[in-house]
C-alpha atoms as a PDB file:
ATOM      1  CA  MET A   1      -9.741 -12.698  -6.189  1.00  0.00           C
ATOM      2  CA  ALA A   2      -6.605 -11.281  -4.560  1.00  0.00           C
ATOM      3  CA  ALA A   3      -8.437  -8.218  -3.461  1.00  0.00           C
ATOM      4  CA  ASP A   4     -11.007 -10.383  -1.742  1.00  0.00           C
ATOM      5  CA  GLN A   5      -8.118 -12.245  -0.047  1.00  0.00           C
ATOM      6  CA  ALA A   6      -6.633  -8.951   1.158  1.00  0.00           C
ATOM      7  CA  SER A   7     -10.042  -7.875   2.475  1.00  0.00           C
ATOM      8  CA  GLN A   8     -10.467 -11.232   4.258  1.00  0.00           C
ATOM      9  CA  GLU A   9      -6.998 -10.855   5.792  1.00  0.00           C
ATOM     10  CA  LYS A  10      -7.786  -7.324   7.009  1.00  0.00           C
ATOM     11  CA  LEU A  11     -11.088  -8.544   8.525  1.00  0.00           C
ATOM     12  CA  ASP A  12      -9.301 -11.497  10.182  1.00  0.00           C
ATOM     13  CA  ASP A  13      -6.755  -9.030  11.701  1.00  0.00           C
ATOM     14  CA  ILE A  14      -9.626  -7.042  13.192  1.00  0.00           C
ATOM     15  CA  LEU A  15     -11.701  -9.897  14.426  1.00  0.00           C
ATOM     16  CA  TYR A  16      -8.857 -12.127  15.616  1.00  0.00           C
ATOM     17  CA  PRO A  17      -5.958  -9.914  16.576  1.00  0.00           C
ATOM     18  CA  SER A  18      -2.717 -11.664  17.032  1.00  0.00           C
ATOM     19  CA  ASN A  19       0.739 -10.626  18.204  1.00  0.00           C
ATOM     20  CA  ALA A  20       2.470 -12.734  15.480  1.00  0.00           C
ATOM     21  CA  ALA A  21       2.091 -11.508  11.923  1.00  0.00           C
ATOM     22  CA  THR A  22       1.923 -14.271   9.315  1.00  0.00           C
ATOM     23  CA  SER A  23       3.541 -12.065   6.713  1.00  0.00           C
ATOM     24  CA  PHE A  24       4.949  -8.607   6.115  1.00  0.00           C
ATOM     25  CA  ARG A  25       2.769  -6.449   3.942  1.00  0.00           C
ATOM     26  CA  ILE A  26       2.730  -2.808   3.152  1.00  0.00           C
ATOM     27  CA  THR A  27      -0.418  -1.046   1.901  1.00  0.00           C
ATOM     28  CA  MET A  28       0.114   2.046  -0.166  1.00  0.00           C
ATOM     29  CA  ILE A  29      -2.868   4.448  -0.214  1.00  0.00           C
ATOM     30  CA  PHE A  30      -2.998   7.728  -2.181  1.00  0.00           C
ATOM     31  CA  GLY A  31      -5.511  10.110  -3.444  1.00  0.00           C
ATOM     32  CA  TYR A  32      -6.018  12.328  -6.490  1.00  0.00           C
ATOM     33  CA  ARG A  33      -3.417  14.906  -7.430  1.00  0.00           C
ATOM     34  CA  ARG A  34      -3.119  17.141 -10.461  1.00  0.00           C
ATOM     35  CA  THR A  35       0.348  16.055 -11.585  1.00  0.00           C
ATOM     36  CA  PRO A  36       1.720  14.045 -14.441  1.00  0.00           C
ATOM     37  CA  GLU A  37       2.832  11.382 -11.899  1.00  0.00           C
ATOM     38  CA  TYR A  38      -0.851  10.778 -10.805  1.00  0.00           C
ATOM     39  CA  LYS A  39      -1.720   8.731 -13.976  1.00  0.00           C
ATOM     40  CA  LYS A  40       1.450   6.801 -13.702  1.00  0.00           C
ATOM     41  CA  ALA A  41       0.912   6.027 -10.098  1.00  0.00           C
ATOM     42  CA  VAL A  42      -2.680   4.842 -10.755  1.00  0.00           C
ATOM     43  CA  ALA A  43      -1.558   2.628 -13.644  1.00  0.00           C
ATOM     44  CA  LEU A  44       1.199   1.154 -11.459  1.00  0.00           C
ATOM     45  CA  ALA A  45      -1.187   0.439  -8.566  1.00  0.00           C
ATOM     46  CA  LYS A  46      -3.799  -1.084 -10.949  1.00  0.00           C
ATOM     47  CA  ARG A  47      -1.269  -3.763 -11.991  1.00  0.00           C
ATOM     48  CA  ASN A  48      -1.358  -5.035  -8.359  1.00  0.00           C
ATOM     49  CA  PRO A  49      -3.994  -7.791  -7.921  1.00  0.00           C
ATOM     50  CA  THR A  50      -5.141  -6.319  -4.632  1.00  0.00           C
ATOM     51  CA  TYR A  51      -5.853  -2.825  -6.158  1.00  0.00           C
ATOM     52  CA  LYS A  52      -8.983  -1.026  -4.888  1.00  0.00           C
ATOM     53  CA  GLU A  53     -10.584   2.221  -5.408  1.00  0.00           C
ATOM     54  CA  GLU A  54     -12.853   4.138  -2.903  1.00  0.00           C
ATOM     55  CA  GLY A  55     -14.753   7.411  -3.585  1.00  0.00           C
ATOM     56  CA  GLU A  56     -14.727   9.377  -6.804  1.00  0.00           C
ATOM     57  CA  GLY A  57     -13.387  12.571  -8.345  1.00  0.00           C
ATOM     58  CA  GLU A  58     -11.085  14.595  -6.084  1.00  0.00           C
ATOM     59  CA  TRP A  59     -12.006  12.342  -3.111  1.00  0.00           C
ATOM     60  CA  ILE A  60     -10.883   9.086  -4.802  1.00  0.00           C
ATOM     61  CA  ARG A  61      -8.528   6.856  -2.735  1.00  0.00           C
ATOM     62  CA  HIS A  62      -6.382   4.181  -4.515  1.00  0.00           C
ATOM     63  CA  SER A  63      -4.872   1.337  -2.461  1.00  0.00           C
ATOM     64  CA  ALA A  64      -2.744  -1.695  -3.158  1.00  0.00           C
ATOM     65  CA  VAL A  65      -1.091  -4.234  -0.844  1.00  0.00           C
ATOM     66  CA  TYR A  66       2.522  -5.278  -1.449  1.00  0.00           C
ATOM     67  CA  THR A  67       4.465  -8.167  -0.019  1.00  0.00           C
ATOM     68  CA  PRO A  68       8.349  -8.417  -0.025  1.00  0.00           C
ATOM     69  CA  ALA A  69       8.116 -10.344  -3.357  1.00  0.00           C
ATOM     70  CA  GLU A  70       6.571  -7.179  -4.870  1.00  0.00           C
ATOM     71  CA  VAL A  71       9.037  -4.744  -3.322  1.00  0.00           C
ATOM     72  CA  GLU A  72      10.221  -3.234  -6.745  1.00  0.00           C
ATOM     73  CA  GLU A  73       6.608  -2.344  -7.680  1.00  0.00           C
ATOM     74  CA  LEU A  74       6.143  -0.812  -4.259  1.00  0.00           C
ATOM     75  CA  PHE A  75       9.396   1.218  -4.607  1.00  0.00           C
ATOM     76  CA  GLN A  76       8.325   2.483  -7.973  1.00  0.00           C
ATOM     77  CA  LEU A  77       4.932   3.612  -6.657  1.00  0.00           C
ATOM     78  CA  PHE A  78       6.480   5.111  -3.488  1.00  0.00           C
ATOM     79  CA  ASN A  79       8.786   7.182  -5.556  1.00  0.00           C
ATOM     80  CA  LEU A  80       5.767   8.707  -7.319  1.00  0.00           C
ATOM     81  CA  VAL A  81       3.578   9.414  -4.397  1.00  0.00           C
ATOM     82  CA  HIS A  82       5.862   9.658  -1.225  1.00  0.00           C
ATOM     83  CA  ASP A  83       5.477  13.391  -0.809  1.00  0.00           C
ATOM     84  CA  TRP A  84       1.777  13.744  -1.528  1.00  0.00           C
ATOM     85  CA  GLU A  85      -0.373  14.777   1.522  1.00  0.00           C
ATOM     86  CA  THR A  86      -2.923  12.107   0.692  1.00  0.00           C
ATOM     87  CA  THR A  87      -0.399   9.231   0.891  1.00  0.00           C
ATOM     88  CA  GLU A  88      -0.771   6.753   3.760  1.00  0.00           C
ATOM     89  CA  ILE A  89       1.307   3.692   4.570  1.00  0.00           C
ATOM     90  CA  LEU A  90      -0.233   0.770   6.477  1.00  0.00           C
ATOM     91  CA  VAL A  91       1.804  -2.083   7.895  1.00  0.00           C
ATOM     92  CA  ASN A  92      -0.112  -5.380   7.861  1.00  0.00           C
ATOM     93  CA  HIS A  93      -3.349  -3.457   7.356  1.00  0.00           C
ATOM     94  CA  LYS A  94      -2.761  -1.204  10.403  1.00  0.00           C
ATOM     95  CA  ARG A  95      -1.764   2.395  10.903  1.00  0.00           C
ATOM     96  CA  LEU A  96       1.398   2.217  12.883  1.00  0.00           C
ATOM     97  CA  PRO A  97       3.631   4.915  14.181  1.00  0.00           C
ATOM     98  CA  TYR A  98       6.561   5.779  11.902  1.00  0.00           C
ATOM     99  CA  ALA A  99       5.214   3.631   9.048  1.00  0.00           C
ATOM    100  CA  HIS A 100       6.553   6.075   6.546  1.00  0.00           C
ATOM    101  CA  GLN A 101       9.887   6.623   8.258  1.00  0.00           C
ATOM    102  CA  LEU A 102      10.674   3.293   9.714  1.00  0.00           C
ATOM    103  CA  TRP A 103       8.582   0.456   8.467  1.00  0.00           C
ATOM    104  CA  LEU A 104       8.674   1.279   4.811  1.00  0.00           C
ATOM    105  CA  PRO A 105      12.399   1.589   4.593  1.00  0.00           C
ATOM    106  CA  LEU A 106      12.680  -1.839   6.302  1.00  0.00           C
ATOM    107  CA  MET A 107      10.866  -3.173   3.238  1.00  0.00           C
ATOM    108  CA  TRP A 108      13.764  -1.779   1.027  1.00  0.00           C
ATOM    109  CA  PHE A 109      16.007  -4.435   2.460  1.00  0.00           C
ATOM    110  CA  TYR A 110      14.163  -6.953   0.282  1.00  0.00           C
ATOM    111  CA  ARG A 111      15.602  -4.947  -2.697  1.00  0.00           C
ATOM    112  CA  ILE A 112      19.104  -6.195  -1.864  1.00  0.00           C
ATOM    113  CA  LYS A 113      20.092  -9.178  -3.919  1.00  0.00           C
END
């Protein structure tokens, strides 16, 4: 159900663009890699209710959407896949400049308690 909600939010963003975001969300997308971290990354992403898979085999793409409340899970996943060439970061379902270098580190402020 949460994956359907994420898809609906993405569609709403496309059909009804707005300058004001209703929430801050980071989507982590990554592909297949022959490393021990790959299985850990997939297992961690699958725990997220918005987890989706597209493609298969070497061309599979895994994605999950994280909110500030899920920042620890996002941080764990990021530490596994951050240097993979297949990793993409979306901000509120959009490709933004400096998502990896600027927007994602802004999310880490939610880790401070």
